[in-house]
Amino acid sequence: MSTVVAATPSAAAGLKRKMADYIVLTKPRITLMALVTVAVGGFSASPNSLDVALLAHALFGTAMLAAGASVLNQVMEKDTDAKMRRTADRPLPAGRMQVAEGLTLGGVLSVLGMSYLTTFVNPLTGLLGAATLATYVFVYTPLKRVTSFNTLVGAVPGALPPVMGWAAVRGSLGIEAWTLFLIVFLWQIPHFLAIAWIYRDDYSRAGLKMLPVFDLAGGLTGRQMILHSLVLLPASLAPTVVGLTGPAYFVGALVLGIVFLGFSLGFWWFVSIASARNLMRASLVYLPALLALLIWDLSL
């Protein structure tokens, strides 16, 4: 009897750790960001007569798809993750989970997500979801070992969720949806370059071809941050230009864009991990603030 009682807490702890590892594999923060942009895209498509149930289906299907893509990404990057301090304790490189288990989980979630979107939302959203999965897992992930242009490629699947939200509600695409795509696409470049600068030693050890690994002085990285922040500024005003939003959004987006550009300039002027971290934090404020401003303007 004492043996059974002693084993029960151990089994429960093992199950808890296993569930925690499954959650880590799905990269919940990235999945949450994708869901936020899907919701913004869906609301933008029909702010006055939103089909909440349909958008809920889109969010559920996207959650499965994004989680599955994250798992497959970690399966493919098991060896490189093992070489980086910030990822070495992930379930696969740490040996707490086998590749076959991760592959099964990622494959099942991905197939279920695409099937759910196609069946319960519409085929266009399912197709966009498949494109997101394919570019993230099968194009961006292997390109990280080949070229520093991987960041530009990786920004494509990162920017498709708001387009999926729009397609889910409208069943078609318009220029408004692509303005949302452009905003999220351009935002990602300074955001990810800042992260890559902070962890460039990790990326170098893993053999990943991130721009800061080769740009030792940081000048080229800084110019890329400034360039994309500059283009992001007019792109963020595009929703008003195409008639999606009003003047309140336009003014707010202009202010946010100028401030964000200032942080990119700050890195270029004072290249350091501290300035990269400041830019990364600013990017994590900028996009939610811009999307909240857009939703607020649409609700007026």
Protein backbone atom coordinates (compact mmCIF):
# COMPACT_ATOMS: atom_id res chain seq x y z
CA MET A 1 0.00 0.00 0.00
CA SER A 2 2.80 2.45 0.89
CA THR A 3 4.47 1.80 -2.48
CA VAL A 4 1.29 2.71 -4.38
CA VAL A 5 0.76 5.89 -2.34
CA ALA A 6 4.37 6.97 -2.88
CA ALA A 7 4.19 6.32 -6.62
CA THR A 8 1.00 8.31 -7.18
CA PRO A 9 2.49 11.77 -6.58
CA SER A 10 5.44 10.83 -8.80
CA ALA A 11 3.14 9.77 -11.62
CA ALA A 12 1.11 12.94 -11.24
CA ALA A 13 4.29 15.04 -11.36
CA GLY A 14 5.40 13.20 -14.49
CA LEU A 15 2.07 13.84 -16.19
CA LYS A 16 2.21 17.50 -15.19
CA ARG A 17 5.71 17.83 -16.67
CA LYS A 18 4.62 16.08 -19.86
CA MET A 19 1.67 18.46 -20.28
CA ALA A 20 3.96 21.42 -19.63
CA ASP A 21 6.30 20.15 -22.35
CA TYR A 22 3.42 19.84 -24.79
CA ILE A 23 2.50 23.46 -24.07
CA VAL A 24 6.11 24.59 -24.62
CA LEU A 25 6.13 22.83 -27.98
CA THR A 26 3.11 24.83 -29.16
CA LYS A 27 4.82 28.19 -28.43
CA PRO A 28 1.73 29.69 -26.76
CA ARG A 29 2.91 33.32 -26.98
CA ILE A 30 3.38 33.11 -30.75
CA THR A 31 0.06 31.29 -31.09
CA LEU A 32 -1.65 33.98 -29.01
CA MET A 33 -0.21 36.75 -31.18
CA ALA A 34 -1.47 34.96 -34.30
CA LEU A 35 -4.94 34.69 -32.76
CA VAL A 36 -4.98 38.38 -31.87
CA THR A 37 -4.21 39.35 -35.46
CA VAL A 38 -6.80 36.89 -36.79
CA ALA A 39 -9.39 38.52 -34.51
CA VAL A 40 -8.35 42.00 -35.68
CA GLY A 41 -8.60 40.94 -39.31
CA GLY A 42 -12.03 39.41 -38.74
CA PHE A 43 -13.37 42.43 -36.86
CA SER A 44 -11.97 44.81 -39.48
CA ALA A 45 -13.82 42.90 -42.20
CA SER A 46 -17.21 43.45 -40.58
CA PRO A 47 -17.15 45.77 -37.55
CA ASN A 48 -20.89 46.46 -37.59
CA SER A 49 -22.30 42.98 -38.22
CA LEU A 50 -19.63 40.54 -37.12
CA ASP A 51 -20.51 36.83 -37.16
CA VAL A 52 -18.99 36.00 -33.77
CA ALA A 53 -19.54 32.25 -34.13
CA LEU A 54 -17.75 32.18 -37.48
CA LEU A 55 -14.82 34.17 -36.10
CA ALA A 56 -14.68 31.78 -33.12
CA HIS A 57 -14.36 28.86 -35.55
CA ALA A 58 -11.56 30.71 -37.34
CA LEU A 59 -9.74 31.30 -34.06
CA PHE A 60 -10.07 27.68 -32.97
CA GLY A 61 -8.82 26.32 -36.28
CA THR A 62 -5.96 28.81 -36.39
CA ALA A 63 -4.97 27.91 -32.84
CA MET A 64 -4.57 24.25 -33.83
CA LEU A 65 -2.72 25.17 -37.03
CA ALA A 66 -0.34 27.62 -35.32
CA ALA A 67 0.37 25.18 -32.51
CA GLY A 68 1.05 22.39 -34.99
CA ALA A 69 3.39 24.58 -37.04
CA SER A 70 5.33 25.51 -33.90
CA VAL A 71 5.74 21.87 -32.94
CA LEU A 72 6.97 20.91 -36.42
CA ASN A 73 9.35 23.87 -36.36
CA GLN A 74 10.90 22.59 -33.13
CA VAL A 75 11.15 19.07 -34.54
CA MET A 76 13.13 20.41 -37.49
CA GLU A 77 15.29 22.61 -35.25
CA LYS A 78 16.00 20.05 -32.54
CA ASP A 79 19.75 19.97 -33.24
CA THR A 80 20.20 23.74 -33.53
CA ASP A 81 18.05 24.34 -30.45
CA ALA A 82 20.43 22.10 -28.50
CA LYS A 83 23.31 24.47 -29.29
CA MET A 84 21.58 27.63 -28.05
CA ARG A 85 21.34 28.50 -24.36
CA ARG A 86 17.85 29.97 -24.58
CA THR A 87 16.41 26.89 -26.33
CA ALA A 88 18.53 24.00 -25.04
CA ASP A 89 15.99 23.11 -22.35
CA ARG A 90 13.11 22.70 -24.79
CA PRO A 91 11.55 19.21 -24.63
CA LEU A 92 13.16 17.82 -27.80
CA PRO A 93 16.80 18.95 -27.44
CA ALA A 94 16.68 18.21 -23.71
CA GLY A 95 15.61 14.62 -24.48
CA ARG A 96 12.35 14.71 -22.53
CA MET A 97 10.43 14.00 -25.73
CA GLN A 98 11.25 11.93 -28.79
CA VAL A 99 11.17 13.29 -32.34
CA ALA A 100 8.47 10.80 -33.36
CA GLU A 101 6.22 12.08 -30.57
CA GLY A 102 6.72 15.70 -31.61
CA LEU A 103 6.23 14.86 -35.28
CA THR A 104 2.96 13.08 -34.50
CA LEU A 105 1.67 15.92 -32.34
CA GLY A 106 2.64 18.59 -34.86
CA GLY A 107 1.26 16.67 -37.81
CA VAL A 108 -2.07 15.91 -36.15
CA LEU A 109 -2.58 19.51 -34.98
CA SER A 110 -1.66 20.91 -38.39
CA VAL A 111 -3.97 18.59 -40.34
CA LEU A 112 -6.81 19.15 -37.88
CA GLY A 113 -6.33 22.91 -38.04
CA MET A 114 -6.40 23.07 -41.85
CA SER A 115 -9.34 20.67 -42.04
CA TYR A 116 -11.28 22.61 -39.42
CA LEU A 117 -10.74 25.94 -41.16
CA THR A 118 -11.77 24.51 -44.52
CA THR A 119 -14.87 22.76 -43.15
CA PHE A 120 -16.21 25.15 -40.52
CA VAL A 121 -15.01 28.49 -41.92
CA ASN A 122 -14.38 28.43 -45.69
CA PRO A 123 -11.91 26.95 -48.21
CA LEU A 124 -10.11 30.28 -48.72
CA THR A 125 -9.21 30.51 -45.03
CA GLY A 126 -8.09 26.88 -45.08
CA LEU A 127 -5.90 27.60 -48.12
CA LEU A 128 -4.34 30.63 -46.43
CA GLY A 129 -3.72 28.49 -43.35
CA ALA A 130 -1.98 25.87 -45.48
CA ALA A 131 0.17 28.59 -47.06
CA THR A 132 1.08 29.88 -43.60
CA LEU A 133 2.11 26.42 -42.44
CA ALA A 134 4.09 25.65 -45.59
CA THR A 135 6.06 28.89 -45.67
CA TYR A 136 6.83 28.77 -41.94
CA VAL A 137 7.80 25.12 -41.59
CA PHE A 138 9.10 24.11 -45.01
CA VAL A 139 10.58 27.39 -46.33
CA TYR A 140 11.52 29.72 -43.48
CA THR A 141 12.79 27.07 -41.04
CA PRO A 142 15.37 25.46 -43.39
CA LEU A 143 16.36 28.87 -44.82
CA LYS A 144 17.65 29.92 -41.39
CA ARG A 145 20.64 27.67 -42.06
CA VAL A 146 21.20 29.06 -45.56
CA THR A 147 20.72 32.84 -45.81
CA SER A 148 20.13 35.93 -43.71
CA PHE A 149 17.17 36.72 -45.97
CA ASN A 150 15.28 34.12 -43.92
CA THR A 151 13.88 36.96 -41.80
CA LEU A 152 12.06 38.44 -44.78
CA VAL A 153 10.68 35.04 -45.74
CA GLY A 154 9.65 34.29 -42.16
CA ALA A 155 7.71 37.55 -42.00
CA VAL A 156 5.28 36.22 -44.64
CA PRO A 157 3.64 33.49 -42.52
CA GLY A 158 3.75 35.84 -39.56
CA ALA A 159 1.70 38.40 -41.48
CA LEU A 160 -0.93 36.06 -42.95
CA PRO A 161 -3.15 35.57 -39.84
CA PRO A 162 -4.96 38.94 -40.15
CA VAL A 163 -5.61 38.09 -43.80
CA MET A 164 -7.04 34.76 -42.63
CA GLY A 165 -9.33 36.60 -40.22
CA TRP A 166 -10.57 38.86 -43.01
CA ALA A 167 -11.11 35.90 -45.35
CA ALA A 168 -12.98 34.02 -42.64
CA VAL A 169 -15.55 36.77 -42.24
CA ARG A 170 -15.80 38.06 -45.82
CA GLY A 171 -15.07 34.85 -47.74
CA SER A 172 -12.91 36.94 -50.07
CA LEU A 173 -9.92 39.27 -49.97
CA GLY A 174 -9.61 42.98 -50.63
CA ILE A 175 -6.98 45.67 -50.48
CA GLU A 176 -7.91 46.33 -46.85
CA ALA A 177 -6.78 42.84 -45.86
CA TRP A 178 -3.45 43.33 -47.59
CA THR A 179 -2.84 46.61 -45.77
CA LEU A 180 -3.08 44.63 -42.53
CA PHE A 181 -0.67 42.06 -43.98
CA LEU A 182 1.81 44.79 -44.91
CA ILE A 183 1.73 46.34 -41.44
CA VAL A 184 2.44 43.08 -39.64
CA PHE A 185 5.04 42.04 -42.24
CA LEU A 186 7.07 45.24 -41.91
CA TRP A 187 6.77 45.33 -38.11
CA GLN A 188 8.40 41.92 -37.84
CA ILE A 189 11.71 42.92 -39.44
CA PRO A 190 12.99 45.36 -36.78
CA HIS A 191 11.37 43.19 -34.09
CA PHE A 192 13.21 40.02 -35.12
CA LEU A 193 16.46 41.78 -35.94
CA ALA A 194 16.47 43.18 -32.40
CA ILE A 195 15.98 39.68 -31.01
CA ALA A 196 18.68 38.32 -33.31
CA TRP A 197 21.12 40.98 -32.10
CA ILE A 198 20.43 40.16 -28.45
CA TYR A 199 20.97 36.44 -29.05
CA ARG A 200 23.48 36.60 -31.90
CA ASP A 201 26.06 34.52 -30.02
CA ASP A 202 23.44 31.79 -29.63
CA TYR A 203 22.56 31.95 -33.32
CA SER A 204 26.25 31.84 -34.25
CA ARG A 205 26.83 28.70 -32.16
CA ALA A 206 23.87 27.04 -33.83
CA GLY A 207 25.07 27.97 -37.32
CA LEU A 208 21.95 30.00 -38.13
CA LYS A 209 22.44 32.71 -40.75
CA MET A 210 20.88 35.68 -38.99
CA LEU A 211 22.08 39.10 -40.16
CA PRO A 212 23.56 40.18 -36.79
CA VAL A 213 25.80 37.08 -36.81
CA PHE A 214 27.73 38.54 -39.78
CA ASP A 215 27.18 42.24 -39.14
CA LEU A 216 29.56 42.56 -36.23
CA ALA A 217 29.47 46.36 -36.06
CA GLY A 218 25.68 46.51 -36.29
CA GLY A 219 25.56 49.19 -38.97
CA LEU A 220 23.77 47.08 -41.59
CA THR A 221 21.38 45.68 -39.00
CA GLY A 222 20.57 49.21 -37.84
CA ARG A 223 19.96 50.43 -41.38
CA GLN A 224 17.60 47.53 -42.05
CA MET A 225 15.69 48.36 -38.87
CA ILE A 226 15.40 52.01 -39.92
CA LEU A 227 14.43 51.16 -43.50
CA HIS A 228 11.59 48.86 -42.48
CA SER A 229 10.43 51.22 -39.73
CA LEU A 230 10.36 54.05 -42.28
CA VAL A 231 8.29 52.00 -44.74
CA LEU A 232 6.08 50.83 -41.88
CA LEU A 233 5.16 54.45 -41.12
CA PRO A 234 3.18 55.10 -44.34
CA ALA A 235 2.03 51.47 -44.44
CA SER A 236 0.44 51.90 -41.02
CA LEU A 237 -1.53 54.86 -42.42
CA ALA A 238 -2.82 52.83 -45.36
CA PRO A 239 -6.00 51.61 -43.59
CA THR A 240 -7.21 55.22 -43.57
CA VAL A 241 -6.12 55.81 -47.18
CA VAL A 242 -8.16 52.81 -48.40
CA GLY A 243 -11.18 53.88 -46.36
CA LEU A 244 -11.03 51.27 -43.62
CA THR A 245 -10.38 53.70 -40.74
CA GLY A 246 -10.89 57.37 -39.98
CA PRO A 247 -8.73 60.35 -38.96
CA ALA A 248 -8.42 59.29 -35.30
CA TYR A 249 -6.58 56.13 -36.31
CA PHE A 250 -4.47 58.07 -38.83
CA VAL A 251 -3.18 60.51 -36.21
CA GLY A 252 -2.55 57.81 -33.62
CA ALA A 253 -0.76 55.56 -36.11
CA LEU A 254 1.42 58.46 -37.21
CA VAL A 255 2.52 59.16 -33.63
CA LEU A 256 3.15 55.48 -32.88
CA GLY A 257 5.14 55.09 -36.10
CA ILE A 258 7.37 58.06 -35.35
CA VAL A 259 8.11 56.78 -31.84
CA PHE A 260 8.86 53.29 -33.16
CA LEU A 261 11.19 54.75 -35.80
CA GLY A 262 12.95 56.60 -32.99
CA PHE A 263 13.82 53.32 -31.28
CA SER A 264 15.24 51.95 -34.55
CA LEU A 265 17.35 55.08 -34.89
CA GLY A 266 18.41 54.61 -31.27
CA PHE A 267 19.86 51.20 -32.06
CA TRP A 268 21.69 52.55 -35.11
CA TRP A 269 23.20 55.41 -33.12
CA PHE A 270 24.10 53.37 -30.04
CA VAL A 271 24.57 49.75 -31.14
CA SER A 272 24.32 47.56 -28.07
CA ILE A 273 22.31 44.79 -26.51
CA ALA A 274 20.59 47.42 -24.36
CA SER A 275 19.40 49.44 -27.37
CA ALA A 276 18.32 46.24 -29.14
CA ARG A 277 16.35 45.26 -26.07
CA ASN A 278 14.73 48.69 -25.96
CA LEU A 279 13.68 48.30 -29.60
CA MET A 280 12.32 44.81 -28.96
CA ARG A 281 10.25 46.09 -26.03
CA ALA A 282 9.03 49.04 -28.08
CA SER A 283 7.94 46.65 -30.84
CA LEU A 284 5.95 44.62 -28.32
CA VAL A 285 4.10 47.80 -27.35
CA TYR A 286 3.77 49.24 -30.85
CA LEU A 287 1.84 46.47 -32.60
CA PRO A 288 -0.77 45.81 -29.88
CA ALA A 289 -1.25 49.58 -29.48
CA LEU A 290 -1.71 50.05 -33.23
CA LEU A 291 -4.17 47.15 -33.49
CA ALA A 292 -6.10 48.40 -30.46
CA LEU A 293 -6.24 51.85 -32.05
CA LEU A 294 -7.58 50.34 -35.26
CA ILE A 295 -10.30 48.40 -33.41
CA TRP A 296 -11.24 51.49 -31.43
CA ASP A 297 -11.51 53.60 -34.59
CA LEU A 298 -13.65 50.96 -36.31
CA SER A 299 -15.94 50.91 -33.26
CA LEU A 300 -16.66 54.66 -33.41
